Amino acid sequence: MRDLPFPYVTVLTGVPGNKRNICSVAEAAEWLVMYWPIKEGKKLIEARQACRDALAGRITCTKARSAFIEAAREADIYIDHKRL
């Protein structure tokens, strides 16, 4: 599977005060499934699909990254991101 690196997006982890830089579509996809703090949400669904589409080559990793940022905002775990 392709990793598809992108400029980092910083999110809060499940441990209070800890944060993590997500640096690729593959890592974002894993987080959206395995570690996401909410189980439902419009932006969550869109981000999961965007990651699948990017990994399949149907959309750019930049679009998947943007969808991930929006999902992180929806889940209230977004901290910051490296500017493009």
PDB file of N, CA and C in Angstrom:
ATOM      1  N   MET A   1       0.846  -1.184   0.000  1.00  0.00           N
ATOM      2  CA  MET A   1       0.000   0.000   0.000  1.00  0.00           C
ATOM      3  C   MET A   1       0.889   1.244   0.000  1.00  0.00           C
ATOM      4  N   ARG A   2       0.467   2.247  -0.721  1.00  0.00           N
ATOM      5  CA  ARG A   2       1.195   3.517  -0.762  1.00  0.00           C
ATOM      6  C   ARG A   2       0.924   4.304   0.508  1.00  0.00           C
ATOM      7  N   ASP A   3       1.937   5.033   0.958  1.00  0.00           N
ATOM      8  CA  ASP A   3       1.818   5.820   2.178  1.00  0.00           C
ATOM      9  C   ASP A   3       1.240   7.211   1.900  1.00  0.00           C
ATOM     10  N   LEU A   4       1.640   7.840   0.805  1.00  0.00           N
ATOM     11  CA  LEU A   4       1.217   9.176   0.399  1.00  0.00           C
ATOM     12  C   LEU A   4       1.473  10.227   1.473  1.00  0.00           C
ATOM     13  N   PRO A   5       2.730  10.592   1.689  1.00  0.00           N
ATOM     14  CA  PRO A   5       3.061  11.590   2.710  1.00  0.00           C
ATOM     15  C   PRO A   5       2.467  12.967   2.394  1.00  0.00           C
ATOM     16  N   PHE A   6       2.180  13.712   3.460  1.00  0.00           N
ATOM     17  CA  PHE A   6       1.721  15.092   3.335  1.00  0.00           C
ATOM     18  C   PHE A   6       2.262  15.900   4.516  1.00  0.00           C
ATOM     19  N   PRO A   7       2.243  17.242   4.420  1.00  0.00           N
ATOM     20  CA  PRO A   7       2.675  18.074   5.551  1.00  0.00           C
ATOM     21  C   PRO A   7       1.816  17.763   6.785  1.00  0.00           C
ATOM     22  N   TYR A   8       2.447  17.681   7.936  1.00  0.00           N
ATOM     23  CA  TYR A   8       1.783  17.175   9.143  1.00  0.00           C
ATOM     24  C   TYR A   8       0.516  17.940   9.530  1.00  0.00           C
ATOM     25  N   VAL A   9      -0.357  17.191  10.199  1.00  0.00           N
ATOM     26  CA  VAL A   9      -1.549  17.726  10.851  1.00  0.00           C
ATOM     27  C   VAL A   9      -1.447  17.266  12.303  1.00  0.00           C
ATOM     28  N   THR A  10      -1.510  18.200  13.248  1.00  0.00           N
ATOM     29  CA  THR A  10      -1.367  17.858  14.660  1.00  0.00           C
ATOM     30  C   THR A  10      -2.743  17.708  15.301  1.00  0.00           C
ATOM     31  N   VAL A  11      -2.933  16.558  15.966  1.00  0.00           N
ATOM     32  CA  VAL A  11      -4.191  16.270  16.653  1.00  0.00           C
ATOM     33  C   VAL A  11      -3.907  15.821  18.085  1.00  0.00           C
ATOM     34  N   LEU A  12      -4.911  15.941  18.926  1.00  0.00           N
ATOM     35  CA  LEU A  12      -4.823  15.416  20.280  1.00  0.00           C
ATOM     36  C   LEU A  12      -5.010  13.910  20.247  1.00  0.00           C
ATOM     37  N   THR A  13      -4.301  13.200  21.119  1.00  0.00           N
ATOM     38  CA  THR A  13      -4.495  11.759  21.245  1.00  0.00           C
ATOM     39  C   THR A  13      -5.483  11.504  22.369  1.00  0.00           C
ATOM     40  N   GLY A  14      -5.724  10.256  22.685  1.00  0.00           N
ATOM     41  CA  GLY A  14      -6.636   9.915  23.768  1.00  0.00           C
ATOM     42  C   GLY A  14      -6.057  10.166  25.149  1.00  0.00           C
ATOM     43  N   VAL A  15      -4.755  10.414  25.236  1.00  0.00           N
ATOM     44  CA  VAL A  15      -4.099  10.682  26.512  1.00  0.00           C
ATOM     45  C   VAL A  15      -4.101  12.196  26.738  1.00  0.00           C
ATOM     46  N   PRO A  16      -4.647  12.655  27.852  1.00  0.00           N
ATOM     47  CA  PRO A  16      -4.723  14.110  28.099  1.00  0.00           C
ATOM     48  C   PRO A  16      -3.355  14.794  27.944  1.00  0.00           C
ATOM     49  N   GLY A  17      -3.357  15.854  27.167  1.00  0.00           N
ATOM     50  CA  GLY A  17      -2.149  16.640  26.954  1.00  0.00           C
ATOM     51  C   GLY A  17      -1.223  16.125  25.868  1.00  0.00           C
ATOM     52  N   ASN A  18      -1.440  14.912  25.384  1.00  0.00           N
ATOM     53  CA  ASN A  18      -0.583  14.372  24.327  1.00  0.00           C
ATOM     54  C   ASN A  18      -1.123  14.740  22.957  1.00  0.00           C
ATOM     55  N   LYS A  19      -0.206  14.934  22.045  1.00  0.00           N
ATOM     56  CA  LYS A  19      -0.588  15.243  20.670  1.00  0.00           C
ATOM     57  C   LYS A  19       0.241  14.399  19.725  1.00  0.00           C
ATOM     58  N   ARG A  20      -0.219  14.324  18.480  1.00  0.00           N
ATOM     59  CA  ARG A  20       0.453  13.507  17.478  1.00  0.00           C
ATOM     60  C   ARG A  20       0.408  14.221  16.140  1.00  0.00           C
ATOM     61  N   ASN A  21       1.520  14.145  15.402  1.00  0.00           N
ATOM     62  CA  ASN A  21       1.564  14.668  14.045  1.00  0.00           C
ATOM     63  C   ASN A  21       1.229  13.539  13.080  1.00  0.00           C
ATOM     64  N   ILE A  22       0.183  13.713  12.312  1.00  0.00           N
ATOM     65  CA  ILE A  22      -0.213  12.756  11.283  1.00  0.00           C
ATOM     66  C   ILE A  22       0.413  13.244   9.980  1.00  0.00           C
ATOM     67  N   CYS A  23       1.198  12.382   9.322  1.00  0.00           N
ATOM     68  CA  CYS A  23       2.038  12.829   8.206  1.00  0.00           C
ATOM     69  C   CYS A  23       1.789  12.128   6.878  1.00  0.00           C
ATOM     70  N   SER A  24       0.722  11.338   6.773  1.00  0.00           N
ATOM     71  CA  SER A  24       0.459  10.666   5.494  1.00  0.00           C
ATOM     72  C   SER A  24      -1.010  10.247   5.420  1.00  0.00           C
ATOM     73  N   VAL A  25      -1.441   9.945   4.214  1.00  0.00           N
ATOM     74  CA  VAL A  25      -2.812   9.470   4.019  1.00  0.00           C
ATOM     75  C   VAL A  25      -2.996   8.128   4.714  1.00  0.00           C
ATOM     76  N   ALA A  26      -2.017   7.249   4.613  1.00  0.00           N
ATOM     77  CA  ALA A  26      -2.130   5.936   5.254  1.00  0.00           C
ATOM     78  C   ALA A  26      -2.261   6.078   6.769  1.00  0.00           C
ATOM     79  N   GLU A  27      -1.478   6.959   7.365  1.00  0.00           N
ATOM     80  CA  GLU A  27      -1.554   7.183   8.801  1.00  0.00           C
ATOM     81  C   GLU A  27      -2.893   7.819   9.184  1.00  0.00           C
ATOM     82  N   ALA A  28      -3.361   8.754   8.378  1.00  0.00           N
ATOM     83  CA  ALA A  28      -4.662   9.381   8.630  1.00  0.00           C
ATOM     84  C   ALA A  28      -5.772   8.331   8.571  1.00  0.00           C
ATOM     85  N   ALA A  29      -5.727   7.458   7.572  1.00  0.00           N
ATOM     86  CA  ALA A  29      -6.738   6.412   7.431  1.00  0.00           C
ATOM     87  C   ALA A  29      -6.749   5.504   8.658  1.00  0.00           C
ATOM     88  N   GLU A  30      -5.563   5.138   9.134  1.00  0.00           N
ATOM     89  CA  GLU A  30      -5.469   4.295  10.325  1.00  0.00           C
ATOM     90  C   GLU A  30      -6.086   4.997  11.535  1.00  0.00           C
ATOM     91  N   TRP A  31      -5.752   6.260  11.724  1.00  0.00           N
ATOM     92  CA  TRP A  31      -6.281   7.013  12.865  1.00  0.00           C
ATOM     93  C   TRP A  31      -7.793   7.153  12.795  1.00  0.00           C
ATOM     94  N   LEU A  32      -8.312   7.396  11.603  1.00  0.00           N
ATOM     95  CA  LEU A  32      -9.753   7.556  11.450  1.00  0.00           C
ATOM     96  C   LEU A  32     -10.518   6.292  11.825  1.00  0.00           C
ATOM     97  N   VAL A  33      -9.904   5.141  11.660  1.00  0.00           N
ATOM     98  CA  VAL A  33     -10.556   3.869  11.975  1.00  0.00           C
ATOM     99  C   VAL A  33     -10.236   3.381  13.383  1.00  0.00           C
ATOM    100  N   MET A  34      -8.984   3.469  13.776  1.00  0.00           N
ATOM    101  CA  MET A  34      -8.542   2.826  15.015  1.00  0.00           C
ATOM    102  C   MET A  34      -8.616   3.729  16.259  1.00  0.00           C
ATOM    103  N   TYR A  35      -8.343   5.003  16.112  1.00  0.00           N
ATOM    104  CA  TYR A  35      -8.148   5.861  17.279  1.00  0.00           C
ATOM    105  C   TYR A  35      -9.090   7.051  17.376  1.00  0.00           C
ATOM    106  N   TRP A  36     -10.015   7.176  16.462  1.00  0.00           N
ATOM    107  CA  TRP A  36     -10.857   8.365  16.413  1.00  0.00           C
ATOM    108  C   TRP A  36     -11.765   8.424  17.625  1.00  0.00           C
ATOM    109  N   PRO A  37     -11.903   9.602  18.271  1.00  0.00           N
ATOM    110  CA  PRO A  37     -12.655   9.693  19.520  1.00  0.00           C
ATOM    111  C   PRO A  37     -14.178   9.653  19.352  1.00  0.00           C
ATOM    112  N   ILE A  38     -14.671   9.900  18.139  1.00  0.00           N
ATOM    113  CA  ILE A  38     -16.117   9.807  17.915  1.00  0.00           C
ATOM    114  C   ILE A  38     -16.360   8.696  16.899  1.00  0.00           C
ATOM    115  N   LYS A  39     -17.523   8.096  16.967  1.00  0.00           N
ATOM    116  CA  LYS A  39     -17.835   6.961  16.080  1.00  0.00           C
ATOM    117  C   LYS A  39     -18.715   7.361  14.906  1.00  0.00           C
ATOM    118  N   GLU A  40     -19.306   8.536  14.965  1.00  0.00           N
ATOM    119  CA  GLU A  40     -20.172   9.014  13.898  1.00  0.00           C
ATOM    120  C   GLU A  40     -19.889  10.482  13.628  1.00  0.00           C
ATOM    121  N   GLY A  41     -20.156  10.891  12.419  1.00  0.00           N
ATOM    122  CA  GLY A  41     -20.003  12.287  12.049  1.00  0.00           C
ATOM    123  C   GLY A  41     -19.869  12.415  10.546  1.00  0.00           C
ATOM    124  N   LYS A  42     -20.479  13.457  10.016  1.00  0.00           N
ATOM    125  CA  LYS A  42     -20.451  13.677   8.571  1.00  0.00           C
ATOM    126  C   LYS A  42     -19.017  13.832   8.059  1.00  0.00           C
ATOM    127  N   LYS A  43     -18.223  14.628   8.752  1.00  0.00           N
ATOM    128  CA  LYS A  43     -16.839  14.867   8.314  1.00  0.00           C
ATOM    129  C   LYS A  43     -15.975  13.620   8.490  1.00  0.00           C
ATOM    130  N   LEU A  44     -16.270  12.813   9.503  1.00  0.00           N
ATOM    131  CA  LEU A  44     -15.559  11.554   9.703  1.00  0.00           C
ATOM    132  C   LEU A  44     -15.792  10.621   8.517  1.00  0.00           C
ATOM    133  N   ILE A  45     -17.022  10.479   8.114  1.00  0.00           N
ATOM    134  CA  ILE A  45     -17.365   9.621   6.973  1.00  0.00           C
ATOM    135  C   ILE A  45     -16.682  10.131   5.707  1.00  0.00           C
ATOM    136  N   GLU A  46     -16.728  11.441   5.494  1.00  0.00           N
ATOM    137  CA  GLU A  46     -16.100  12.035   4.311  1.00  0.00           C
ATOM    138  C   GLU A  46     -14.586  11.827   4.320  1.00  0.00           C
ATOM    139  N   ALA A  47     -13.963  11.968   5.483  1.00  0.00           N
ATOM    140  CA  ALA A  47     -12.512  11.803   5.580  1.00  0.00           C
ATOM    141  C   ALA A  47     -12.098  10.354   5.329  1.00  0.00           C
ATOM    142  N   ARG A  48     -12.848   9.413   5.879  1.00  0.00           N
ATOM    143  CA  ARG A  48     -12.541   7.998   5.615  1.00  0.00           C
ATOM    144  C   ARG A  48     -12.620   7.692   4.122  1.00  0.00           C
ATOM    145  N   GLN A  49     -13.657   8.200   3.479  1.00  0.00           N
ATOM    146  CA  GLN A  49     -13.797   7.966   2.038  1.00  0.00           C
ATOM    147  C   GLN A  49     -12.687   8.659   1.260  1.00  0.00           C
ATOM    148  N   ALA A  50     -12.331   9.868   1.655  1.00  0.00           N
ATOM    149  CA  ALA A  50     -11.265  10.606   0.968  1.00  0.00           C
ATOM    150  C   ALA A  50      -9.936   9.863   1.086  1.00  0.00           C
ATOM    151  N   CYS A  51      -9.665   9.299   2.245  1.00  0.00           N
ATOM    152  CA  CYS A  51      -8.411   8.530   2.405  1.00  0.00           C
ATOM    153  C   CYS A  51      -8.427   7.292   1.521  1.00  0.00           C
ATOM    154  N   ARG A  52      -9.553   6.578   1.495  1.00  0.00           N
ATOM    155  CA  ARG A  52      -9.651   5.406   0.608  1.00  0.00           C
ATOM    156  C   ARG A  52      -9.450   5.822  -0.850  1.00  0.00           C
ATOM    157  N   ASP A  53     -10.078   6.924  -1.238  1.00  0.00           N
ATOM    158  CA  ASP A  53      -9.966   7.396  -2.622  1.00  0.00           C
ATOM    159  C   ASP A  53      -8.537   7.806  -2.957  1.00  0.00           C
ATOM    160  N   ALA A  54      -7.863   8.470  -2.040  1.00  0.00           N
ATOM    161  CA  ALA A  54      -6.473   8.884  -2.286  1.00  0.00           C
ATOM    162  C   ALA A  54      -5.559   7.662  -2.400  1.00  0.00           C
ATOM    163  N   LEU A  55      -5.746   6.693  -1.525  1.00  0.00           N
ATOM    164  CA  LEU A  55      -4.913   5.490  -1.570  1.00  0.00           C
ATOM    165  C   LEU A  55      -5.152   4.688  -2.849  1.00  0.00           C
ATOM    166  N   ALA A  56      -6.351   4.818  -3.412  1.00  0.00           N
ATOM    167  CA  ALA A  56      -6.671   4.142  -4.672  1.00  0.00           C
ATOM    168  C   ALA A  56      -6.287   4.978  -5.891  1.00  0.00           C
ATOM    169  N   GLY A  57      -5.810   6.196  -5.662  1.00  0.00           N
ATOM    170  CA  GLY A  57      -5.382   7.049  -6.763  1.00  0.00           C
ATOM    171  C   GLY A  57      -6.490   7.844  -7.421  1.00  0.00           C
ATOM    172  N   ARG A  58      -7.650   7.918  -6.792  1.00  0.00           N
ATOM    173  CA  ARG A  58      -8.785   8.640  -7.385  1.00  0.00           C
ATOM    174  C   ARG A  58      -8.797  10.122  -7.057  1.00  0.00           C
ATOM    175  N   ILE A  59      -8.177  10.515  -5.924  1.00  0.00           N
ATOM    176  CA  ILE A  59      -8.067  11.938  -5.568  1.00  0.00           C
ATOM    177  C   ILE A  59      -6.655  12.197  -5.056  1.00  0.00           C
ATOM    178  N   THR A  60      -6.306  13.453  -4.907  1.00  0.00           N
ATOM    179  CA  THR A  60      -4.962  13.805  -4.440  1.00  0.00           C
ATOM    180  C   THR A  60      -4.859  13.633  -2.923  1.00  0.00           C
ATOM    181  N   CYS A  61      -3.627  13.487  -2.464  1.00  0.00           N
ATOM    182  CA  CYS A  61      -3.421  13.398  -1.012  1.00  0.00           C
ATOM    183  C   CYS A  61      -3.753  14.732  -0.342  1.00  0.00           C
ATOM    184  N   THR A  62      -3.652  15.836  -1.064  1.00  0.00           N
ATOM    185  CA  THR A  62      -4.009  17.142  -0.514  1.00  0.00           C
ATOM    186  C   THR A  62      -5.497  17.198  -0.177  1.00  0.00           C
ATOM    187  N   LYS A  63      -6.337  16.629  -1.027  1.00  0.00           N
ATOM    188  CA  LYS A  63      -7.776  16.601  -0.746  1.00  0.00           C
ATOM    189  C   LYS A  63      -8.076  15.703   0.449  1.00  0.00           C
ATOM    190  N   ALA A  64      -7.387  14.575   0.546  1.00  0.00           N
ATOM    191  CA  ALA A  64      -7.579  13.686   1.696  1.00  0.00           C
ATOM    192  C   ALA A  64      -7.129  14.377   2.979  1.00  0.00           C
ATOM    193  N   ARG A  65      -6.023  15.099   2.920  1.00  0.00           N
ATOM    194  CA  ARG A  65      -5.508  15.832   4.081  1.00  0.00           C
ATOM    195  C   ARG A  65      -6.520  16.882   4.533  1.00  0.00           C
ATOM    196  N   SER A  66      -7.093  17.612   3.595  1.00  0.00           N
ATOM    197  CA  SER A  66      -8.099  18.627   3.931  1.00  0.00           C
ATOM    198  C   SER A  66      -9.315  17.991   4.600  1.00  0.00           C
ATOM    199  N   ALA A  67      -9.740  16.845   4.102  1.00  0.00           N
ATOM    200  CA  ALA A  67     -10.873  16.137   4.700  1.00  0.00           C
ATOM    201  C   ALA A  67     -10.526  15.664   6.111  1.00  0.00           C
ATOM    202  N   PHE A  68      -9.285  15.218   6.306  1.00  0.00           N
ATOM    203  CA  PHE A  68      -8.832  14.794   7.637  1.00  0.00           C
ATOM    204  C   PHE A  68      -8.857  15.969   8.620  1.00  0.00           C
ATOM    205  N   ILE A  69      -8.397  17.131   8.172  1.00  0.00           N
ATOM    206  CA  ILE A  69      -8.413  18.324   9.022  1.00  0.00           C
ATOM    207  C   ILE A  69      -9.851  18.663   9.434  1.00  0.00           C
ATOM    208  N   GLU A  70     -10.767  18.620   8.499  1.00  0.00           N
ATOM    209  CA  GLU A  70     -12.166  18.923   8.813  1.00  0.00           C
ATOM    210  C   GLU A  70     -12.748  17.911   9.797  1.00  0.00           C
ATOM    211  N   ALA A  71     -12.398  16.643   9.646  1.00  0.00           N
ATOM    212  CA  ALA A  71     -12.873  15.619  10.579  1.00  0.00           C
ATOM    213  C   ALA A  71     -12.283  15.842  11.967  1.00  0.00           C
ATOM    214  N   ALA A  72     -11.019  16.254  12.033  1.00  0.00           N
ATOM    215  CA  ALA A  72     -10.389  16.531  13.329  1.00  0.00           C
ATOM    216  C   ALA A  72     -11.064  17.724  14.006  1.00  0.00           C
ATOM    217  N   ARG A  73     -11.451  18.707  13.234  1.00  0.00           N
ATOM    218  CA  ARG A  73     -12.185  19.849  13.798  1.00  0.00           C
ATOM    219  C   ARG A  73     -13.544  19.395  14.329  1.00  0.00           C
ATOM    220  N   GLU A  74     -14.218  18.553  13.548  1.00  0.00           N
ATOM    221  CA  GLU A  74     -15.515  18.023  13.962  1.00  0.00           C
ATOM    222  C   GLU A  74     -15.398  17.254  15.294  1.00  0.00           C
ATOM    223  N   ALA A  75     -14.326  16.499  15.448  1.00  0.00           N
ATOM    224  CA  ALA A  75     -14.111  15.686  16.647  1.00  0.00           C
ATOM    225  C   ALA A  75     -13.497  16.490  17.789  1.00  0.00           C
ATOM    226  N   ASP A  76     -13.192  17.737  17.539  1.00  0.00           N
ATOM    227  CA  ASP A  76     -12.591  18.638  18.525  1.00  0.00           C
ATOM    228  C   ASP A  76     -11.226  18.136  19.016  1.00  0.00           C
ATOM    229  N   ILE A  77     -10.436  17.584  18.080  1.00  0.00           N
ATOM    230  CA  ILE A  77      -9.077  17.145  18.420  1.00  0.00           C
ATOM    231  C   ILE A  77      -8.025  17.864  17.572  1.00  0.00           C
ATOM    232  N   TYR A  78      -8.457  18.759  16.708  1.00  0.00           N
ATOM    233  CA  TYR A  78      -7.540  19.499  15.840  1.00  0.00           C
ATOM    234  C   TYR A  78      -6.734  20.498  16.658  1.00  0.00           C
ATOM    235  N   ILE A  79      -5.411  20.537  16.398  1.00  0.00           N
ATOM    236  CA  ILE A  79      -4.548  21.530  17.043  1.00  0.00           C
ATOM    237  C   ILE A  79      -4.010  22.502  15.995  1.00  0.00           C
ATOM    238  N   ASP A  80      -3.336  21.971  14.984  1.00  0.00           N
ATOM    239  CA  ASP A  80      -2.678  22.827  13.990  1.00  0.00           C
ATOM    240  C   ASP A  80      -2.296  21.968  12.793  1.00  0.00           C
ATOM    241  N   HIS A  81      -1.795  22.637  11.760  1.00  0.00           N
ATOM    242  CA  HIS A  81      -1.238  21.911  10.613  1.00  0.00           C
ATOM    243  C   HIS A  81      -0.139  22.744   9.986  1.00  0.00           C
ATOM    244  N   LYS A  82       0.788  22.052   9.347  1.00  0.00           N
ATOM    245  CA  LYS A  82       1.845  22.722   8.623  1.00  0.00           C
ATOM    246  C   LYS A  82       1.241  23.331   7.369  1.00  0.00           C
ATOM    247  N   ARG A  83       1.525  24.590   7.157  1.00  0.00           N
ATOM    248  CA  ARG A  83       0.966  25.285   5.994  1.00  0.00           C
ATOM    249  C   ARG A  83       1.570  24.743   4.704  1.00  0.00           C
ATOM    250  N   LEU A  84       0.740  24.670   3.685  1.00  0.00           N
ATOM    251  CA  LEU A  84       1.204  24.177   2.377  1.00  0.00           C
ATOM    252  C   LEU A  84       1.990  25.239   1.653  1.00  0.00           C
TER     253      LEU A  84
END
